[in-house]
N, C-alpha and C. Protein backbone atom coordinates (compact mmCIF):
# COMPACT_ATOMS: atom_id res chain seq x y z
N UNK A 1 0.90 -1.22 0.09
CA UNK A 1 -0.07 -0.20 0.18
C UNK A 1 0.90 1.31 -0.14
N UNK A 2 0.44 2.41 -0.73
CA UNK A 2 1.37 3.77 -1.00
C UNK A 2 0.96 4.25 0.45
N UNK A 3 2.17 4.83 0.62
CA UNK A 3 1.84 5.88 1.88
C UNK A 3 1.20 7.06 1.46
N UNK A 4 0.85 7.96 2.50
CA UNK A 4 -0.07 9.25 2.21
C UNK A 4 0.73 10.23 2.13
N UNK A 5 0.31 11.19 1.07
CA UNK A 5 0.97 12.61 0.90
C UNK A 5 1.34 13.26 2.01
N UNK A 6 2.28 13.34 2.64
CA UNK A 6 2.63 14.53 3.73
C UNK A 6 1.77 15.64 3.83
N UNK A 7 1.46 16.14 4.72
CA UNK A 7 1.03 17.65 4.61
C UNK A 7 1.87 18.63 4.45
N UNK A 8 1.64 19.47 3.51
CA UNK A 8 2.53 20.77 3.17
C UNK A 8 3.33 20.23 1.91
N UNK A 9 3.24 19.16 1.53
CA UNK A 9 4.14 18.57 0.66
C UNK A 9 3.38 19.03 -0.87
N UNK A 10 3.89 19.47 -1.88
CA UNK A 10 3.15 19.86 -3.16
C UNK A 10 2.57 18.17 -3.73
N UNK A 11 1.34 18.09 -4.28
CA UNK A 11 0.86 16.81 -4.60
C UNK A 11 1.88 16.15 -5.81
N UNK A 12 2.09 17.18 -6.76
CA UNK A 12 3.19 16.80 -7.96
C UNK A 12 4.46 16.55 -7.24
N UNK A 13 5.06 17.24 -6.31
CA UNK A 13 6.41 16.72 -5.84
C UNK A 13 6.21 15.20 -5.20
N UNK A 14 5.23 15.02 -4.71
CA UNK A 14 4.91 13.91 -3.69
C UNK A 14 4.93 12.67 -4.86
N UNK A 15 3.91 13.03 -5.89
CA UNK A 15 3.76 11.77 -6.99
C UNK A 15 5.26 11.91 -7.49
N UNK A 16 5.77 12.73 -8.01
CA UNK A 16 7.10 12.23 -8.52
C UNK A 16 8.07 11.46 -7.65
N UNK A 17 8.00 11.83 -6.59
CA UNK A 17 9.01 10.92 -5.64
C UNK A 17 8.64 9.51 -5.67
N UNK A 18 7.16 9.39 -5.58
CA UNK A 18 6.71 8.00 -5.80
C UNK A 18 7.11 7.21 -6.73
N UNK A 19 7.13 7.93 -7.95
CA UNK A 19 7.40 7.38 -9.37
C UNK A 19 8.91 7.10 -9.27
N UNK A 20 9.93 7.95 -8.92
CA UNK A 20 11.25 7.77 -8.69
C UNK A 20 11.65 6.61 -7.96
N UNK A 21 10.98 6.45 -6.56
CA UNK A 21 11.15 5.33 -5.96
C UNK A 21 10.87 3.74 -6.65
N UNK A 22 9.95 3.95 -7.24
CA UNK A 22 9.04 2.73 -7.67
C UNK A 22 9.96 2.50 -9.04
N UNK A 23 10.66 3.26 -9.73
CA UNK A 23 11.84 3.30 -10.81
C UNK A 23 12.90 2.36 -10.15
N UNK A 24 13.44 3.23 -8.95
CA UNK A 24 14.64 2.69 -8.43
C UNK A 24 14.24 1.38 -8.34
N UNK A 25 13.04 0.68 -7.58
CA UNK A 25 12.87 -0.62 -7.08
C UNK A 25 12.81 -1.56 -8.35
N UNK A 26 12.78 -0.99 -9.28
CA UNK A 26 12.45 -1.86 -10.75
C UNK A 26 11.37 -2.65 -10.88
N UNK A 27 10.22 -1.42 -10.45
CA UNK A 27 8.71 -1.98 -10.73
C UNK A 27 8.25 -1.57 -12.31
N UNK A 28 8.90 -0.89 -12.72
CA UNK A 28 8.56 -0.53 -14.18
C UNK A 28 9.18 -1.51 -15.10
N UNK A 29 10.41 -2.12 -14.77
CA UNK A 29 10.99 -2.80 -15.76
C UNK A 29 10.14 -4.23 -16.12
N UNK A 30 10.42 -4.39 -16.99
CA UNK A 30 9.74 -5.41 -17.96
C UNK A 30 8.38 -5.68 -18.16
N UNK A 31 7.83 -4.59 -18.21
CA UNK A 31 6.11 -4.79 -18.25
C UNK A 31 5.89 -4.97 -19.62
N UNK A 32 4.68 -5.63 -19.60
CA UNK A 32 4.23 -6.12 -20.94
C UNK A 32 4.20 -4.78 -21.94
N UNK A 33 4.38 -4.94 -22.91
CA UNK A 33 4.43 -3.76 -23.96
C UNK A 33 5.52 -2.87 -23.78
N UNK A 34 6.24 -2.64 -23.10
CA UNK A 34 7.23 -1.48 -22.57
C UNK A 34 8.16 -1.31 -23.92
N UNK A 35 8.19 -0.19 -24.40
CA UNK A 35 8.99 -0.07 -25.39
C UNK A 35 8.35 -0.02 -26.69
N UNK A 36 6.95 -1.04 -26.85
CA UNK A 36 6.57 -1.17 -28.06
C UNK A 36 5.50 0.49 -28.21
N UNK A 37 5.08 0.53 -29.69
CA UNK A 37 4.51 1.71 -29.73
C UNK A 37 2.90 1.40 -29.57
N UNK A 38 2.33 2.51 -29.29
CA UNK A 38 0.85 2.40 -28.91
C UNK A 38 0.19 1.77 -30.24
N UNK A 39 -1.09 0.98 -29.92
CA UNK A 39 -1.57 0.26 -31.24
C UNK A 39 -2.40 1.60 -31.88
N UNK A 40 -2.31 1.68 -33.30
CA UNK A 40 -3.53 2.54 -33.84
C UNK A 40 -4.35 1.85 -34.73
N UNK A 41 -5.47 2.67 -34.44
CA UNK A 41 -6.46 2.20 -35.26
C UNK A 41 -6.66 2.59 -36.57
N UNK A 42 -7.35 1.72 -37.63
CA UNK A 42 -7.63 2.31 -38.77
C UNK A 42 -8.18 3.45 -39.04
N UNK A 43 -9.33 3.51 -38.27
CA UNK A 43 -10.03 4.95 -38.12
C UNK A 43 -9.57 5.76 -37.43
N UNK A 44 -9.11 6.97 -37.82
CA UNK A 44 -8.29 8.03 -37.02
C UNK A 44 -8.95 8.64 -36.39
N UNK A 45 -10.41 8.77 -36.41
CA UNK A 45 -11.20 9.67 -35.34
C UNK A 45 -11.22 9.30 -34.13
N UNK A 46 -11.18 10.36 -33.23
CA UNK A 46 -10.82 10.06 -31.91
C UNK A 46 -11.89 9.53 -30.94
N UNK A 47 -11.87 8.38 -30.12
CA UNK A 47 -12.97 7.90 -29.40
C UNK A 47 -12.56 7.90 -27.93
N UNK A 48 -13.14 8.65 -26.95
CA UNK A 48 -13.02 8.67 -25.83
C UNK A 48 -12.83 7.32 -25.11
N UNK A 49 -13.87 6.44 -25.46
CA UNK A 49 -14.13 5.25 -25.02
C UNK A 49 -13.28 4.09 -25.58
N UNK A 50 -12.22 4.31 -26.27
CA UNK A 50 -11.46 3.33 -27.21
C UNK A 50 -11.21 2.31 -26.32
N UNK A 51 -10.52 2.49 -24.95
CA UNK A 51 -9.97 1.66 -24.29
C UNK A 51 -11.16 0.67 -23.66
N UNK A 52 -12.24 1.22 -23.24
CA UNK A 52 -13.54 0.51 -22.79
C UNK A 52 -13.88 -0.71 -23.87
N UNK A 53 -13.80 -0.11 -25.19
CA UNK A 53 -14.13 -1.04 -26.32
C UNK A 53 -13.17 -2.29 -26.43
N UNK A 54 -11.88 -1.76 -26.54
CA UNK A 54 -11.10 -2.79 -26.81
C UNK A 54 -10.93 -3.61 -25.70
N UNK A 55 -11.32 -3.43 -24.42
CA UNK A 55 -11.34 -4.23 -23.28
C UNK A 55 -12.57 -5.41 -23.57
N UNK A 56 -13.64 -4.57 -23.83
CA UNK A 56 -14.60 -5.39 -23.97
C UNK A 56 -14.59 -6.67 -25.15
N UNK A 57 -13.86 -6.08 -26.34
CA UNK A 57 -13.52 -7.22 -27.50
C UNK A 57 -12.87 -8.29 -26.86
N UNK A 58 -11.63 -7.77 -26.05
CA UNK A 58 -10.99 -8.51 -25.40
C UNK A 58 -11.54 -9.86 -24.39
N UNK A 59 -12.38 -9.40 -23.69
CA UNK A 59 -13.11 -10.08 -22.58
C UNK A 59 -14.16 -11.16 -23.11
N UNK A 60 -14.54 -10.54 -24.73
CA UNK A 60 -15.81 -11.10 -25.20
C UNK A 60 -16.97 -11.01 -24.89
N UNK A 61 -17.08 -9.38 -24.27
CA UNK A 61 -18.26 -8.62 -23.99
C UNK A 61 -19.25 -7.73 -24.79
N UNK A 62 -20.55 -7.91 -24.72
CA UNK A 62 -21.06 -7.06 -25.81
C UNK A 62 -22.21 -6.50 -24.63
N UNK A 63 -22.56 -5.15 -25.18
CA UNK A 63 -23.74 -4.68 -24.32
C UNK A 63 -24.59 -3.99 -25.18
N UNK A 64 -25.95 -4.51 -25.06
CA UNK A 64 -27.21 -3.97 -26.11
C UNK A 64 -28.26 -3.86 -24.90
N UNK A 65 -28.85 -2.73 -25.49
CA UNK A 65 -30.31 -2.52 -24.50
C UNK A 65 -30.80 -3.76 -24.25
N UNK A 66 -31.57 -3.79 -23.33
CA UNK A 66 -32.37 -5.02 -22.99
C UNK A 66 -33.44 -5.46 -24.06
N UNK A 67 -34.06 -4.67 -24.86
CA UNK A 67 -35.04 -4.88 -25.92
C UNK A 67 -34.07 -5.63 -27.20
N UNK A 68 -33.01 -4.97 -27.30
CA UNK A 68 -32.35 -5.67 -28.48
C UNK A 68 -31.67 -7.21 -28.08
N UNK A 69 -31.17 -6.96 -26.85
CA UNK A 69 -30.68 -8.14 -26.39
C UNK A 69 -31.31 -9.42 -26.51
N UNK A 70 -32.63 -9.26 -25.91
CA UNK A 70 -34.04 -9.70 -26.12
C UNK A 70 -34.28 -10.50 -27.71
N UNK A 71 -34.31 -9.62 -28.43
CA UNK A 71 -34.53 -9.91 -29.65
C UNK A 71 -33.55 -10.83 -30.39
N UNK A 72 -32.30 -10.47 -30.29
CA UNK A 72 -31.21 -11.58 -30.56
C UNK A 72 -31.38 -12.93 -29.96
N UNK A 73 -31.72 -12.73 -28.67
CA UNK A 73 -31.94 -14.12 -27.69
C UNK A 73 -33.31 -14.82 -28.60
N UNK A 74 -34.21 -13.97 -28.82
CA UNK A 74 -35.53 -14.79 -29.48
C UNK A 74 -35.09 -15.38 -30.61
N UNK A 75 -34.61 -14.44 -31.58
CA UNK A 75 -33.76 -15.08 -32.80
C UNK A 75 -33.06 -16.43 -32.71
N UNK A 76 -32.41 -16.16 -31.81
CA UNK A 76 -31.57 -17.41 -31.48
C UNK A 76 -32.20 -18.53 -31.06
N UNK A 77 -32.99 -18.38 -30.15
CA UNK A 77 -33.94 -19.26 -29.59
C UNK A 77 -34.92 -20.01 -30.69
N UNK A 78 -35.33 -19.52 -31.74
CA UNK A 78 -35.99 -20.17 -32.63
C UNK A 78 -35.21 -20.79 -33.58
N UNK A 79 -34.15 -20.28 -34.07
CA UNK A 79 -33.35 -21.22 -34.81
C UNK A 79 -32.68 -22.60 -33.92
N UNK A 80 -32.44 -22.27 -32.40
CA UNK A 80 -32.23 -23.37 -31.47
C UNK A 80 -33.71 -24.44 -31.84
N UNK A 81 -34.80 -23.78 -31.43
CA UNK A 81 -36.12 -24.78 -31.60
C UNK A 81 -35.85 -25.39 -32.82
N UNK A 82 -35.74 -24.83 -33.88
CA UNK A 82 -35.67 -25.82 -35.20
C UNK A 82 -34.82 -26.89 -35.39
N UNK A 83 -33.66 -26.33 -34.90
CA UNK A 83 -32.55 -27.51 -34.96
C UNK A 83 -32.55 -28.56 -33.63
N UNK A 84 -33.37 -28.09 -32.30
CA UNK A 84 -33.51 -29.24 -31.49
C UNK A 84 -33.88 -30.77 -31.83
N UNK A 85 -33.07 -31.65 -31.11
CA UNK A 85 -33.00 -32.83 -31.19
C UNK A 85 -34.70 -33.57 -30.99
N UNK A 86 -35.50 -32.78 -30.43
CA UNK A 86 -36.69 -33.27 -30.22
C UNK A 86 -37.98 -32.28 -30.20
N UNK A 87 -38.91 -32.63 -30.24
CA UNK A 87 -40.11 -31.75 -30.31
C UNK A 87 -40.31 -31.01 -28.88
N UNK A 88 -40.05 -32.10 -27.88
CA UNK A 88 -40.10 -31.74 -26.48
C UNK A 88 -39.26 -30.48 -25.92
N UNK A 89 -37.98 -30.65 -26.47
CA UNK A 89 -36.80 -29.66 -26.23
C UNK A 89 -37.25 -28.41 -27.13
N UNK A 90 -37.80 -28.64 -28.20
CA UNK A 90 -38.16 -27.47 -29.19
C UNK A 90 -39.00 -26.60 -28.30
N UNK A 91 -40.27 -27.06 -27.96
CA UNK A 91 -41.11 -26.61 -27.29
C UNK A 91 -40.81 -26.08 -26.16
N UNK A 92 -39.99 -26.43 -25.17
CA UNK A 92 -39.56 -25.90 -24.06
C UNK A 92 -38.62 -24.80 -24.24
N UNK A 93 -37.86 -24.80 -25.40
CA UNK A 93 -36.80 -23.34 -25.98
C UNK A 93 -38.24 -22.26 -26.28
N UNK A 94 -38.99 -22.76 -27.10
CA UNK A 94 -39.95 -21.62 -27.36
C UNK A 94 -40.61 -20.93 -26.45
N UNK A 95 -41.08 -22.05 -25.54
CA UNK A 95 -42.05 -21.79 -24.28
C UNK A 95 -40.96 -20.53 -23.49
N UNK A 96 -39.98 -21.00 -23.09
CA UNK A 96 -38.99 -19.93 -22.21
C UNK A 96 -39.06 -18.78 -22.99
N UNK A 97 -38.67 -18.55 -24.07
CA UNK A 97 -38.34 -17.33 -24.79
C UNK A 97 -39.60 -16.31 -24.77
N UNK A 98 -40.66 -17.47 -25.08
CA UNK A 98 -42.19 -16.71 -24.72
C UNK A 98 -42.14 -15.76 -23.55
N UNK A 99 -41.87 -16.48 -22.59
CA UNK A 99 -42.23 -16.08 -21.21
C UNK A 99 -41.34 -14.50 -21.15
N UNK A 100 -40.11 -14.77 -21.43
CA UNK A 100 -39.39 -13.44 -21.62
C UNK A 100 -39.76 -12.40 -22.55
N UNK A 101 -40.36 -12.87 -23.66
CA UNK A 101 -40.92 -11.98 -24.37
C UNK A 101 -42.25 -11.24 -23.65
N UNK A 102 -43.32 -11.92 -23.55
CA UNK A 102 -44.24 -11.56 -22.73
C UNK A 102 -43.78 -10.36 -21.56
N UNK A 103 -43.04 -11.01 -20.73
CA UNK A 103 -42.26 -9.99 -19.56
C UNK A 103 -41.99 -8.58 -19.86
N UNK A 104 -41.55 -8.60 -21.12
CA UNK A 104 -41.07 -7.20 -21.76
C UNK A 104 -42.13 -6.44 -22.17
N UNK A 105 -43.06 -7.14 -22.91
CA UNK A 105 -44.23 -6.54 -23.40
C UNK A 105 -44.60 -5.80 -22.66
N UNK A 106 -45.12 -6.33 -21.35
CA UNK A 106 -45.82 -5.84 -20.16
C UNK A 106 -45.15 -4.84 -19.49
N UNK A 107 -43.94 -5.09 -19.32
CA UNK A 107 -42.92 -4.04 -18.49
C UNK A 107 -41.73 -3.78 -19.32
N UNK A 108 -41.91 -3.01 -20.49
CA UNK A 108 -40.93 -2.35 -21.31
C UNK A 108 -39.63 -1.72 -20.49
N UNK A 109 -38.63 -2.21 -20.76
CA UNK A 109 -37.49 -1.20 -20.06
C UNK A 109 -37.12 0.02 -21.05
N UNK A 110 -36.36 0.82 -20.47
CA UNK A 110 -36.10 2.16 -21.06
C UNK A 110 -35.25 1.29 -22.58
N UNK A 111 -35.45 2.02 -23.58
CA UNK A 111 -34.77 1.83 -24.85
C UNK A 111 -35.62 1.90 -25.88
N UNK A 112 -34.96 0.80 -27.06
CA UNK A 112 -35.80 0.74 -28.15
C UNK A 112 -36.92 -0.04 -28.12
N UNK A 113 -38.19 0.16 -28.78
CA UNK A 113 -39.08 -1.18 -28.87
C UNK A 113 -38.81 -2.48 -29.01
N UNK A 114 -39.14 -3.53 -28.58
CA UNK A 114 -38.77 -4.90 -28.73
C UNK A 114 -38.97 -5.14 -30.12
N UNK A 115 -40.09 -5.18 -30.54
CA UNK A 115 -40.46 -5.44 -31.96
C UNK A 115 -40.69 -6.81 -32.32
N UNK A 116 -41.10 -7.50 -31.11
CA UNK A 116 -41.07 -8.96 -31.16
C UNK A 116 -42.48 -9.42 -30.37
N UNK A 117 -43.23 -10.27 -30.90
CA UNK A 117 -44.18 -10.76 -30.14
C UNK A 117 -43.85 -12.41 -30.17
N UNK A 118 -44.85 -12.98 -29.08
CA UNK A 118 -44.59 -14.41 -28.61
C UNK A 118 -44.67 -15.06 -29.94
N UNK A 119 -43.53 -16.30 -30.12
CA UNK A 119 -44.03 -17.11 -31.16
C UNK A 119 -45.13 -18.13 -30.81
N UNK A 120 -45.66 -18.46 -31.85
CA UNK A 120 -47.05 -19.45 -32.08
C UNK A 120 -46.08 -20.80 -31.59
N UNK A 121 -46.27 -21.48 -30.74
CA UNK A 121 -45.25 -22.74 -30.26
C UNK A 121 -45.53 -23.82 -31.28
N UNK A 122 -46.98 -23.91 -31.71
CA UNK A 122 -47.33 -25.15 -32.49
C UNK A 122 -46.81 -24.92 -34.35
N UNK A 123 -46.90 -23.46 -34.57
CA UNK A 123 -46.31 -22.70 -35.83
C UNK A 123 -44.90 -23.21 -35.90
N UNK A 124 -44.27 -23.05 -34.79
CA UNK A 124 -42.80 -23.16 -34.94
C UNK A 124 -42.29 -24.80 -35.07
N UNK A 125 -43.45 -25.51 -34.29
CA UNK A 125 -43.11 -26.95 -34.14
C UNK A 125 -43.22 -27.58 -35.94
N UNK A 126 -44.69 -26.65 -36.35
CA UNK A 126 -44.84 -27.36 -38.04
C UNK A 126 -43.61 -27.00 -38.65
N UNK A 127 -43.08 -25.86 -38.41
CA UNK A 127 -42.10 -25.17 -39.11
C UNK A 127 -40.76 -26.26 -39.06
N UNK A 128 -40.42 -26.40 -38.01
CA UNK A 128 -39.51 -27.59 -37.60
C UNK A 128 -39.67 -28.79 -38.21
N UNK A 129 -40.69 -29.37 -38.31
CA UNK A 129 -41.16 -30.48 -38.89
C UNK A 129 -40.68 -30.60 -40.46
N UNK A 130 -41.22 -29.21 -41.08
CA UNK A 130 -41.02 -29.37 -42.20
C UNK A 130 -39.48 -29.05 -42.85
N UNK A 131 -38.82 -28.34 -41.86
CA UNK A 131 -37.33 -28.13 -42.30
C UNK A 131 -36.55 -29.55 -42.22
N UNK A 132 -37.36 -30.27 -41.26
CA UNK A 132 -36.32 -31.61 -40.68
C UNK A 132 -36.84 -32.66 -42.10
N UNK A 133 -37.82 -32.39 -42.59
CA UNK A 133 -38.33 -33.45 -43.59
C UNK A 133 -37.71 -32.88 -44.72
N UNK A 134 -37.42 -31.74 -45.05
CA UNK A 134 -36.68 -31.35 -46.26
C UNK A 134 -35.32 -31.27 -46.14
N UNK A 135 -34.62 -31.26 -44.95
CA UNK A 135 -32.92 -31.92 -44.85
C UNK A 135 -33.21 -33.28 -44.95
N UNK A 136 -33.83 -34.27 -44.46
CA UNK A 136 -33.74 -35.61 -44.79
C UNK A 136 -34.13 -35.77 -46.03
N UNK A 137 -34.89 -35.26 -46.89
CA UNK A 137 -35.03 -35.67 -48.47
C UNK A 137 -33.84 -35.00 -49.07
N UNK A 138 -32.83 -34.45 -48.67
CA UNK A 138 -31.49 -33.73 -49.15
C UNK A 138 -30.58 -34.72 -48.74
N UNK A 139 -30.59 -35.49 -47.78
CA UNK A 139 -29.68 -36.42 -47.18
C UNK A 139 -29.12 -37.38 -48.48
N UNK A 140 -27.89 -37.59 -48.44
CA UNK A 140 -27.31 -38.61 -49.44
C UNK A 140 -28.23 -39.73 -49.15
N UNK A 141 -28.18 -40.71 -50.18
CA UNK A 141 -29.03 -42.03 -50.17
C UNK A 141 -30.30 -42.00 -50.09
N UNK A 142 -30.92 -40.80 -50.12
CA UNK A 142 -32.38 -40.58 -50.15
C UNK A 142 -33.05 -40.35 -51.47
N UNK A 143 -34.39 -40.68 -51.98
CA UNK A 143 -34.45 -40.56 -53.06
C UNK A 143 -35.26 -39.35 -52.98
N UNK A 144 -34.97 -38.18 -54.02
CA UNK A 144 -35.20 -37.19 -54.47
C UNK A 144 -36.68 -36.84 -55.26
């Protein structure tokens, strides 16, 4: 833990002393990226949050408004239902996302409108059956 700045000592002098002491102890030696130029972006416009965006990319994070995040989740759930190994699992996927869609419709969060309505579970299952039948018809060794 660093020591407190003594009263009466100018802040700049105290900080400079802390830096010099740390350099003397070798605390700045062999830091990652030492001596390397700062990375430059192709886009030359200045962005105050460049470091936040880079950190989010590095950590694999994304931040969307709740309605947009649910819209993406709903679309992913629909594709997952179509690809589900059984109708029971497909039904569960669609019913679960429908609960979240209904919640957001009745208690909208701030941000853009969701633009989704709950899926018709039976219609999704009919479409799933149609897609599976079409895929089986395209499978090698099947009659076309």
